[in-house]
Amino acid sequence: MSLQRSLSWSSALRDLKDDGKRRPAGALGAQASITFKARTRPLVAPTGAYDRAAIMAAAVFAAKTHQLTYGSTWGVAMSLALKSTWAAAKAARARTAH
């Protein structure tokens, strides 16, 4: 057995960059259902404040859809849905601010 190990820095850094690019299963589906739900009830008020009730309603809707589609646990589905919903709300707020 060799006492020295070889390390390719370029492949190690490429692997680190690739780890951040992966999306969890169902992320695009969650974004689509959030966009659908946000059409009926906006996530941001005209004043620029977050509508937390609308955000939670959209997240629950997306989590239920994700759970039915992928069979994941409620915690995983809700985590993915809340991350996607808050990202959509922040984007909507940025659009209304400018």
C-alpha atoms as a PDB file:
ATOM      1  CA  MET A   1       0.000   0.000   0.000  1.00  0.00           C
ATOM      2  CA  SER A   2       1.261   3.427  -0.931  1.00  0.00           C
ATOM      3  CA  LEU A   3       1.946   6.010   1.738  1.00  0.00           C
ATOM      4  CA  GLN A   4       1.233   8.883  -0.628  1.00  0.00           C
ATOM      5  CA  ARG A   5      -2.073   9.844  -2.161  1.00  0.00           C
ATOM      6  CA  SER A   6      -2.484  11.839  -5.298  1.00  0.00           C
ATOM      7  CA  LEU A   7      -5.106  14.564  -5.464  1.00  0.00           C
ATOM      8  CA  SER A   8      -6.329  16.300  -8.556  1.00  0.00           C
ATOM      9  CA  TRP A   9      -7.360  19.781  -7.487  1.00  0.00           C
ATOM     10  CA  SER A  10      -9.205  20.516 -10.705  1.00  0.00           C
ATOM     11  CA  SER A  11     -11.429  17.443 -10.370  1.00  0.00           C
ATOM     12  CA  ALA A  12     -11.969  18.086  -6.655  1.00  0.00           C
ATOM     13  CA  LEU A  13     -13.077  21.684  -7.264  1.00  0.00           C
ATOM     14  CA  ARG A  14     -15.280  20.605 -10.186  1.00  0.00           C
ATOM     15  CA  ASP A  15     -16.981  18.050  -7.920  1.00  0.00           C
ATOM     16  CA  LEU A  16     -17.580  20.733  -5.290  1.00  0.00           C
ATOM     17  CA  LYS A  17     -19.189  23.022  -7.866  1.00  0.00           C
ATOM     18  CA  ASP A  18     -21.384  20.211  -9.171  1.00  0.00           C
ATOM     19  CA  ASP A  19     -22.702  19.462  -5.688  1.00  0.00           C
ATOM     20  CA  GLY A  20     -24.302  22.879  -5.461  1.00  0.00           C
ATOM     21  CA  LYS A  21     -26.056  22.613  -8.837  1.00  0.00           C
ATOM     22  CA  ARG A  22     -28.199  19.600  -8.055  1.00  0.00           C
ATOM     23  CA  ARG A  23     -31.864  20.227  -7.397  1.00  0.00           C
ATOM     24  CA  PRO A  24     -33.890  17.934  -5.215  1.00  0.00           C
ATOM     25  CA  ALA A  25     -36.498  15.761  -6.886  1.00  0.00           C
ATOM     26  CA  GLY A  26     -39.692  17.684  -7.432  1.00  0.00           C
ATOM     27  CA  ALA A  27     -38.262  21.185  -7.095  1.00  0.00           C
ATOM     28  CA  LEU A  28     -39.578  22.281 -10.478  1.00  0.00           C
ATOM     29  CA  GLY A  29     -42.968  20.750  -9.768  1.00  0.00           C
ATOM     30  CA  ALA A  30     -43.144  22.605  -6.476  1.00  0.00           C
ATOM     31  CA  GLN A  31     -42.316  25.875  -8.209  1.00  0.00           C
ATOM     32  CA  ALA A  32     -45.034  25.241 -10.790  1.00  0.00           C
ATOM     33  CA  SER A  33     -47.702  24.569  -8.176  1.00  0.00           C
ATOM     34  CA  ILE A  34     -46.614  27.650  -6.200  1.00  0.00           C
ATOM     35  CA  THR A  35     -46.883  29.791  -9.325  1.00  0.00           C
ATOM     36  CA  PHE A  36     -50.345  28.350  -9.948  1.00  0.00           C
ATOM     37  CA  LYS A  37     -51.454  29.097  -6.381  1.00  0.00           C
ATOM     38  CA  ALA A  38     -49.921  32.581  -6.416  1.00  0.00           C
ATOM     39  CA  ARG A  39     -52.147  33.566  -9.334  1.00  0.00           C
ATOM     40  CA  THR A  40     -55.236  33.267  -7.167  1.00  0.00           C
ATOM     41  CA  ARG A  41     -53.673  34.811  -4.051  1.00  0.00           C
ATOM     42  CA  PRO A  42     -50.513  36.949  -4.398  1.00  0.00           C
ATOM     43  CA  LEU A  43     -47.623  36.204  -2.045  1.00  0.00           C
ATOM     44  CA  VAL A  44     -46.761  39.884  -1.622  1.00  0.00           C
ATOM     45  CA  ALA A  45     -49.183  42.692  -0.724  1.00  0.00           C
ATOM     46  CA  PRO A  46     -49.225  45.848  -2.866  1.00  0.00           C
ATOM     47  CA  THR A  47     -47.395  47.635  -0.046  1.00  0.00           C
ATOM     48  CA  GLY A  48     -44.455  45.236  -0.441  1.00  0.00           C
ATOM     49  CA  ALA A  49     -45.144  43.244   2.738  1.00  0.00           C
ATOM     50  CA  TYR A  50     -45.123  39.464   2.628  1.00  0.00           C
ATOM     51  CA  ASP A  51     -48.552  37.847   2.912  1.00  0.00           C
ATOM     52  CA  ARG A  52     -47.547  35.037   5.264  1.00  0.00           C
ATOM     53  CA  ALA A  53     -50.948  33.354   5.149  1.00  0.00           C
ATOM     54  CA  ALA A  54     -50.760  33.188   1.345  1.00  0.00           C
ATOM     55  CA  ILE A  55     -47.184  31.903   1.529  1.00  0.00           C
ATOM     56  CA  MET A  56     -48.177  29.153   3.940  1.00  0.00           C
ATOM     57  CA  ALA A  57     -51.251  28.220   1.879  1.00  0.00           C
ATOM     58  CA  ALA A  58     -49.141  27.952  -1.283  1.00  0.00           C
ATOM     59  CA  ALA A  59     -46.506  25.896   0.555  1.00  0.00           C
ATOM     60  CA  VAL A  60     -49.088  23.466   1.926  1.00  0.00           C
ATOM     61  CA  PHE A  61     -50.627  23.088  -1.533  1.00  0.00           C
ATOM     62  CA  ALA A  62     -47.202  22.437  -3.087  1.00  0.00           C
ATOM     63  CA  ALA A  63     -46.236  20.019  -0.299  1.00  0.00           C
ATOM     64  CA  LYS A  64     -49.419  17.977  -0.752  1.00  0.00           C
ATOM     65  CA  THR A  65     -48.844  17.840  -4.486  1.00  0.00           C
ATOM     66  CA  HIS A  66     -45.204  16.830  -3.979  1.00  0.00           C
ATOM     67  CA  GLN A  67     -46.156  14.167  -1.465  1.00  0.00           C
ATOM     68  CA  LEU A  68     -48.741  12.655  -3.811  1.00  0.00           C
ATOM     69  CA  THR A  69     -46.360  12.681  -6.757  1.00  0.00           C
ATOM     70  CA  TYR A  70     -43.147  11.472  -5.121  1.00  0.00           C
ATOM     71  CA  GLY A  71     -44.405   9.682  -2.007  1.00  0.00           C
ATOM     72  CA  SER A  72     -42.011  11.563   0.244  1.00  0.00           C
ATOM     73  CA  THR A  73     -42.537  12.276   3.911  1.00  0.00           C
ATOM     74  CA  TRP A  74     -44.409  15.386   5.003  1.00  0.00           C
ATOM     75  CA  GLY A  75     -41.263  16.954   6.440  1.00  0.00           C
ATOM     76  CA  VAL A  76     -39.302  16.594   3.213  1.00  0.00           C
ATOM     77  CA  ALA A  77     -42.211  17.820   1.089  1.00  0.00           C
ATOM     78  CA  MET A  78     -42.899  20.811   3.341  1.00  0.00           C
ATOM     79  CA  SER A  79     -39.217  21.749   3.499  1.00  0.00           C
ATOM     80  CA  LEU A  80     -38.935  21.787  -0.278  1.00  0.00           C
ATOM     81  CA  ALA A  81     -42.231  23.651  -0.632  1.00  0.00           C
ATOM     82  CA  LEU A  82     -41.347  26.340   1.911  1.00  0.00           C
ATOM     83  CA  LYS A  83     -37.953  26.968   0.332  1.00  0.00           C
ATOM     84  CA  SER A  84     -39.549  27.303  -3.092  1.00  0.00           C
ATOM     85  CA  THR A  85     -42.403  29.456  -1.814  1.00  0.00           C
ATOM     86  CA  TRP A  86     -40.136  31.909  -0.016  1.00  0.00           C
ATOM     87  CA  ALA A  87     -37.909  32.129  -3.097  1.00  0.00           C
ATOM     88  CA  ALA A  88     -40.991  32.950  -5.199  1.00  0.00           C
ATOM     89  CA  ALA A  89     -42.165  35.517  -2.640  1.00  0.00           C
ATOM     90  CA  LYS A  90     -38.764  37.218  -2.544  1.00  0.00           C
ATOM     91  CA  ALA A  91     -38.701  37.351  -6.342  1.00  0.00           C
ATOM     92  CA  ALA A  92     -42.226  38.804  -6.409  1.00  0.00           C
ATOM     93  CA  ARG A  93     -41.260  41.399  -3.836  1.00  0.00           C
ATOM     94  CA  ALA A  94     -38.209  42.386  -5.867  1.00  0.00           C
ATOM     95  CA  ARG A  95     -40.394  42.774  -8.966  1.00  0.00           C
ATOM     96  CA  THR A  96     -42.878  45.032  -7.154  1.00  0.00           C
ATOM     97  CA  ALA A  97     -40.116  47.156  -5.605  1.00  0.00           C
ATOM     98  CA  HIS A  98     -38.728  48.228  -9.003  1.00  0.00           C
END
